[in-house]
Protein backbone atom coordinates (compact mmCIF):
# COMPACT_ATOMS: atom_id res chain seq x y z
CA UNK A 1 -16.55 129.33 218.21
CA UNK A 2 -15.13 129.91 214.76
CA UNK A 3 -17.51 129.64 211.79
CA UNK A 4 -17.19 126.57 209.57
CA UNK A 5 -14.87 127.06 206.60
CA UNK A 6 -15.96 125.40 203.41
CA UNK A 7 -13.42 124.91 200.65
CA UNK A 8 -14.88 125.95 197.32
CA UNK A 9 -13.75 127.56 194.07
CA UNK A 10 -13.53 130.96 195.78
CA UNK A 11 -11.08 129.53 198.34
CA UNK A 12 -8.51 128.43 195.76
CA UNK A 13 -6.63 131.77 195.49
CA UNK A 14 -6.36 131.89 199.28
CA UNK A 15 -4.99 128.36 199.50
CA UNK A 16 -2.65 129.03 196.58
CA UNK A 17 -1.25 132.09 198.40
CA UNK A 18 -0.68 130.01 201.54
CA UNK A 19 1.16 127.29 199.57
CA UNK A 20 3.35 129.88 197.85
CA UNK A 21 4.35 131.50 201.18
CA UNK A 22 4.99 128.11 202.74
CA UNK A 23 7.25 126.98 199.91
CA UNK A 24 9.14 130.24 199.50
CA UNK A 25 9.36 130.97 203.23
CA UNK A 26 8.70 134.64 202.64
CA UNK A 27 5.69 136.91 202.21
CA UNK A 28 7.76 139.21 200.01
CA UNK A 29 8.91 136.44 197.68
CA UNK A 30 5.38 135.05 197.51
CA UNK A 31 4.02 138.52 196.71
CA UNK A 32 6.51 138.88 193.84
CA UNK A 33 5.54 135.48 192.45
CA UNK A 34 1.84 136.32 192.66
CA UNK A 35 2.29 139.90 191.37
CA UNK A 36 0.59 141.45 194.40
CA UNK A 37 1.77 143.40 197.44
CA UNK A 38 3.29 141.67 200.52
CA UNK A 39 0.56 143.18 202.68
CA UNK A 40 -2.10 141.62 200.44
CA UNK A 41 -0.50 138.19 200.79
CA UNK A 42 -0.17 138.62 204.57
CA UNK A 43 -3.80 139.66 204.86
CA UNK A 44 -4.93 136.70 202.73
CA UNK A 45 -3.10 134.18 204.91
CA UNK A 46 -4.34 135.82 208.12
CA UNK A 47 -7.89 135.59 206.77
CA UNK A 48 -7.38 131.88 206.08
CA UNK A 49 -6.05 131.30 209.61
CA UNK A 50 -8.99 133.22 211.05
CA UNK A 51 -11.49 131.18 209.10
CA UNK A 52 -9.84 127.89 210.12
CA UNK A 53 -9.30 128.99 213.68
CA UNK A 54 -5.69 127.81 213.77
CA UNK A 55 -2.27 129.32 213.13
CA UNK A 56 -0.63 127.98 210.01
CA UNK A 57 2.60 129.98 209.84
CA UNK A 58 5.15 131.08 212.43
CA UNK A 59 6.35 134.57 211.60
CA UNK A 60 9.62 136.10 212.80
CA UNK A 61 11.54 139.09 211.57
CA UNK A 62 13.94 136.78 209.75
CA UNK A 63 11.81 133.98 208.33
CA UNK A 64 8.41 132.37 207.98
CA UNK A 65 7.91 128.74 208.99
CA UNK A 66 5.09 126.21 209.13
CA UNK A 67 3.27 125.22 212.30
CA UNK A 68 2.27 121.60 212.74
CA UNK A 69 -1.23 122.44 211.47
CA UNK A 70 0.25 124.39 208.57
CA UNK A 71 2.45 121.46 207.56
CA UNK A 72 -0.55 119.12 207.68
CA UNK A 73 -2.61 121.48 205.52
CA UNK A 74 0.24 121.96 203.03
CA UNK A 75 0.64 118.20 202.65
CA UNK A 76 -3.02 117.86 201.64
CA UNK A 77 -3.57 121.06 199.69
CA UNK A 78 -0.43 121.23 197.56
CA UNK A 79 -1.08 117.97 195.62
CA UNK A 80 -4.72 118.98 195.15
CA UNK A 81 -3.74 122.35 193.68
CA UNK A 82 -1.19 120.62 191.44
CA UNK A 83 -3.93 118.29 190.17
CA UNK A 84 -6.22 121.25 189.46
CA UNK A 85 -3.40 122.93 187.57
CA UNK A 86 -2.81 119.78 185.53
CA UNK A 87 -6.53 119.53 184.77
CA UNK A 88 -6.71 123.10 183.49
CA UNK A 89 -3.55 122.58 181.42
CA UNK A 90 -5.18 119.50 179.89
CA UNK A 91 -8.29 121.47 178.99
CA UNK A 92 -6.17 124.18 177.37
CA UNK A 93 -4.35 121.52 175.36
CA UNK A 94 -7.66 120.15 174.11
CA UNK A 95 -8.43 123.49 172.47
CA UNK A 96 -6.10 122.49 169.64
CA UNK A 97 -6.42 118.69 169.80
CA UNK A 98 -9.30 117.24 167.78
CA UNK A 99 -10.45 114.30 169.89
CA UNK A 100 -13.50 112.89 171.61
CA UNK A 101 -16.94 111.90 170.35
CA UNK A 102 -18.54 113.87 167.52
CA UNK A 103 -22.31 113.37 167.78
CA UNK A 104 -24.13 113.86 164.49
CA UNK A 105 -27.80 113.60 163.61
CA UNK A 106 -28.78 113.07 159.99
CA UNK A 107 -31.76 112.08 157.94
CA UNK A 108 -31.37 108.64 156.37
CA UNK A 109 -31.04 110.17 152.91
CA UNK A 110 -28.55 112.85 154.00
CA UNK A 111 -26.36 110.18 155.57
CA UNK A 112 -26.33 108.17 152.34
CA UNK A 113 -25.72 111.12 150.02
CA UNK A 114 -23.69 113.61 152.04
CA UNK A 115 -21.90 111.59 154.74
CA UNK A 116 -21.15 108.18 153.33
CA UNK A 117 -18.73 109.51 150.68
CA UNK A 118 -16.69 111.55 153.19
CA UNK A 119 -16.75 109.79 156.55
CA UNK A 120 -14.11 107.20 155.70
CA UNK A 121 -11.57 109.86 154.72
CA UNK A 122 -12.46 112.00 157.74
CA UNK A 123 -12.04 109.15 160.20
CA UNK A 124 -8.70 108.21 158.68
CA UNK A 125 -7.56 111.82 158.98
CA UNK A 126 -8.70 112.15 162.62
CA UNK A 127 -8.44 108.73 164.31
CA UNK A 128 -8.81 110.28 167.80
CA UNK A 129 -12.39 111.35 166.96
CA UNK A 130 -15.22 108.84 167.40
CA UNK A 131 -18.14 109.63 165.09
CA UNK A 132 -21.48 108.87 166.78
CA UNK A 133 -24.06 109.05 163.98
CA UNK A 134 -27.81 108.77 164.57
CA UNK A 135 -29.97 108.60 161.42
CA UNK A 136 -33.52 109.77 161.95
CA UNK A 137 -36.02 111.39 159.61
CA UNK A 138 -37.66 113.39 162.40
CA UNK A 139 -36.60 116.97 163.10
CA UNK A 140 -34.12 117.00 165.98
CA UNK A 141 -33.28 119.74 168.49
CA UNK A 142 -29.47 119.65 168.52
CA UNK A 143 -28.95 121.32 171.88
CA UNK A 144 -31.75 119.53 173.73
CA UNK A 145 -30.58 116.10 172.52
CA UNK A 146 -26.85 116.70 172.87
CA UNK A 147 -25.74 116.65 169.24
CA UNK A 148 -22.77 118.63 167.94
CA UNK A 149 -24.21 119.07 164.44
CA UNK A 150 -26.86 117.79 162.06
CA UNK A 151 -27.47 117.23 158.36
CA UNK A 152 -30.82 118.06 156.79
CA UNK A 153 -32.32 119.66 153.71
CA UNK A 154 -32.14 123.45 153.76
CA UNK A 155 -35.90 123.71 154.22
CA UNK A 156 -35.75 121.62 157.41
CA UNK A 157 -33.03 123.43 159.38
CA UNK A 158 -33.50 124.70 162.91
CA UNK A 159 -33.62 128.44 163.33
CA UNK A 160 -30.59 130.37 164.61
CA UNK A 161 -28.13 127.80 163.32
CA UNK A 162 -24.94 128.20 161.34
CA UNK A 163 -25.38 126.22 158.10
CA UNK A 164 -22.95 125.26 155.35
CA UNK A 165 -23.95 123.51 152.09
CA UNK A 166 -22.52 120.04 151.62
CA UNK A 167 -24.18 118.99 148.35
CA UNK A 168 -25.24 122.08 146.43
CA UNK A 169 -28.56 122.17 144.52
CA UNK A 170 -30.24 118.81 143.89
CA UNK A 171 -33.25 117.33 142.14
CA UNK A 172 -35.30 114.15 142.07
CA UNK A 173 -36.07 111.90 139.13
CA UNK A 174 -39.09 109.75 138.33
CA UNK A 175 -37.98 106.32 137.17
CA UNK A 176 -39.48 103.02 136.13
CA UNK A 177 -38.38 99.80 134.50
CA UNK A 178 -38.57 99.48 130.70
CA UNK A 179 -40.99 96.60 131.25
CA UNK A 180 -43.40 98.83 133.19
CA UNK A 181 -43.24 101.60 130.58
CA UNK A 182 -43.79 99.09 127.77
CA UNK A 183 -47.00 97.88 129.45
CA UNK A 184 -48.37 101.21 130.68
CA UNK A 185 -46.70 103.89 128.56
CA UNK A 186 -44.62 106.80 129.83
CA UNK A 187 -46.37 109.76 131.49
CA UNK A 188 -46.03 112.90 129.40
CA UNK A 189 -46.81 115.33 132.22
CA UNK A 190 -47.25 115.11 136.01
CA UNK A 191 -51.03 115.18 135.47
CA UNK A 192 -50.76 111.72 133.91
CA UNK A 193 -49.51 110.20 137.17
CA UNK A 194 -53.01 109.57 138.49
CA UNK A 195 -53.24 106.80 135.87
CA UNK A 196 -49.97 105.18 136.94
CA UNK A 197 -48.88 102.97 139.83
CA UNK A 198 -46.66 105.07 142.11
CA UNK A 199 -44.23 103.72 144.71
CA UNK A 200 -44.21 106.23 147.55
CA UNK A 201 -42.00 106.86 150.56
CA UNK A 202 -43.41 107.33 154.06
CA UNK A 203 -41.33 109.12 156.72
CA UNK A 204 -40.98 106.67 159.57
CA UNK A 205 -40.90 109.35 162.27
CA UNK A 206 -44.02 111.26 161.25
CA UNK A 207 -45.93 108.81 159.09
CA UNK A 208 -46.22 111.48 156.41
CA UNK A 209 -46.14 110.29 152.79
CA UNK A 210 -43.69 112.27 150.70
CA UNK A 211 -45.50 114.32 148.05
CA UNK A 212 -44.02 114.49 144.57
CA UNK A 213 -43.11 117.98 143.34
CA UNK A 214 -42.85 119.24 139.77
CA UNK A 215 -42.72 122.43 137.75
CA UNK A 216 -46.16 123.71 136.78
CA UNK A 217 -45.05 123.49 133.15
CA UNK A 218 -41.99 121.96 131.46
CA UNK A 219 -38.74 123.64 132.51
CA UNK A 220 -40.39 126.42 134.46
CA UNK A 221 -43.25 127.91 136.40
CA UNK A 222 -44.02 127.55 140.06
CA UNK A 223 -43.41 124.28 141.89
CA UNK A 224 -46.53 122.23 142.58
CA UNK A 225 -47.29 118.96 144.35
CA UNK A 226 -49.18 116.33 142.39
CA UNK A 227 -51.74 113.82 143.62
CA UNK A 228 -50.60 110.30 142.77
CA UNK A 229 -52.14 106.83 142.88
CA UNK A 230 -50.01 104.81 145.30
CA UNK A 231 -49.44 101.19 144.45
CA UNK A 232 -47.10 100.82 147.42
CA UNK A 233 -46.20 102.96 150.44
CA UNK A 234 -43.15 102.09 152.55
CA UNK A 235 -40.57 103.71 154.81
CA UNK A 236 -37.91 101.38 153.40
CA UNK A 237 -36.41 102.80 150.23
CA UNK A 238 -34.78 99.50 149.31
CA UNK A 239 -38.26 97.96 149.10
CA UNK A 240 -39.44 100.75 146.82
CA UNK A 241 -36.38 100.35 144.59
CA UNK A 242 -36.94 96.61 144.36
CA UNK A 243 -40.58 97.14 143.43
CA UNK A 244 -39.56 99.58 140.68
CA UNK A 245 -37.00 97.09 139.32
CA UNK A 246 -39.72 94.43 139.31
CA UNK A 247 -41.89 96.62 137.08
CA UNK A 248 -44.51 97.40 139.70
CA UNK A 249 -44.56 101.17 139.26
CA UNK A 250 -42.84 104.54 139.19
CA UNK A 251 -40.45 105.67 141.92
CA UNK A 252 -39.55 109.27 142.85
CA UNK A 253 -35.97 109.29 144.04
CA UNK A 254 -32.57 110.96 144.16
CA UNK A 255 -30.54 109.83 141.13
CA UNK A 256 -27.62 108.80 143.36
CA UNK A 257 -29.82 106.28 145.18
CA UNK A 258 -30.59 104.38 141.97
CA UNK A 259 -27.48 105.26 139.96
CA UNK A 260 -26.48 101.65 139.29
CA UNK A 261 -29.93 100.77 137.93
CA UNK A 262 -29.99 103.90 135.78
CA UNK A 263 -26.52 103.17 134.42
CA UNK A 264 -27.44 99.58 133.54
CA UNK A 265 -30.79 100.54 131.98
CA UNK A 266 -32.78 98.52 134.51
CA UNK A 267 -34.53 101.81 135.33
CA UNK A 268 -35.10 104.78 133.02
CA UNK A 269 -36.26 108.27 133.90
CA UNK A 270 -39.37 110.09 132.74
CA UNK A 271 -40.67 113.65 133.19
CA UNK A 272 -37.11 115.01 133.35
CA UNK A 273 -38.15 118.44 132.01
CA UNK A 274 -40.65 118.81 134.83
CA UNK A 275 -38.18 118.32 137.68
CA UNK A 276 -37.25 121.42 139.73
CA UNK A 277 -33.96 121.84 141.55
CA UNK A 278 -33.90 122.74 145.25
CA UNK A 279 -31.43 123.53 147.99
CA UNK A 280 -29.58 120.39 148.91
CA UNK A 281 -28.26 119.17 152.23
CA UNK A 282 -26.60 121.37 154.84
CA UNK A 283 -24.46 120.74 157.87
CA UNK A 284 -25.86 122.91 160.65
CA UNK A 285 -24.69 123.59 164.19
CA UNK A 286 -25.17 126.15 166.97
CA UNK A 287 -23.22 129.37 166.51
CA UNK A 288 -20.37 129.15 168.99
CA UNK A 289 -17.46 131.46 169.62
CA UNK A 290 -15.50 128.56 171.13
CA UNK A 291 -16.24 125.70 168.76
CA UNK A 292 -14.95 122.31 169.97
CA UNK A 293 -11.92 121.20 167.94
CA UNK A 294 -13.67 117.97 166.91
CA UNK A 295 -16.48 119.97 165.30
CA UNK A 296 -14.18 122.64 163.89
CA UNK A 297 -12.07 120.12 161.97
CA UNK A 298 -15.20 118.37 160.67
CA UNK A 299 -16.62 121.67 159.40
CA UNK A 300 -13.26 122.56 157.81
CA UNK A 301 -13.05 119.10 156.26
CA UNK A 302 -16.46 119.45 154.60
CA UNK A 303 -15.69 122.99 153.43
CA UNK A 304 -12.44 121.80 151.87
CA UNK A 305 -14.29 119.07 149.97
CA UNK A 306 -16.73 121.67 148.63
CA UNK A 307 -20.42 121.15 147.88
CA UNK A 308 -19.73 120.35 144.24
CA UNK A 309 -17.91 117.15 145.24
CA UNK A 310 -20.98 115.58 146.78
CA UNK A 311 -23.19 113.34 144.61
CA UNK A 312 -26.37 114.94 143.26
């Protein structure tokens, strides 16, 4: 009894050799097409017949023909091999065709500052790419959660990642309404904040309240965190902005998030000389020799824009 023959990836060269002999009607012609010796092709087909336990080809000194079993096998195998060939050709074509779903993870703030200004132009340039964006303040493992890339502050990047700056250095401002400052006065140093109502942001993922950072002295020194007296804590920045506009306290924020209120004078900044700069937002992704085209064009797009073009 012949052993069972299971068709798997290792069987494909054998079946391909059989199809080539069957179509060309010659072991010599098949060998030339496959760039091997005629004896190698003959041995391959004999091995296939032995494994199947049936003769597939009739051999004479003048020609090679199909048996009934060989014709039946050819009818089934040839279309399957053609489909495999088409599939591999399609994959090769995708190497240079930016398409598919680009999965991005971003903090809420990074999405507003670094992505919102560029995504519209990117999607217009590459309509075959679907951008799947998940905003989340928690730290995300790109590989474990199936993301192509992420955007975070430089201090929050995963290890062993390729990172490119998308905003350049940034800084926060402390701002309040003129009404609040008229009633309570403007703090002259970060140490004065304990006497002021502070509107503070809580990270939704961790529950941690963001601590306000300043220079130890005006325009220099080490960076320190300052204890504040919270009048409101929320994980919704719009609520904090509204409270600041209503004169309820001081808010610690990126200038771009409150730019309209600053431009109109509804909010004014204080403690400007005490504000340090820090590394801004980065796009980060696993180091890959074969980067998917959808990610490659996104990286190139951001590089072409340059970090200086992003709002600070």
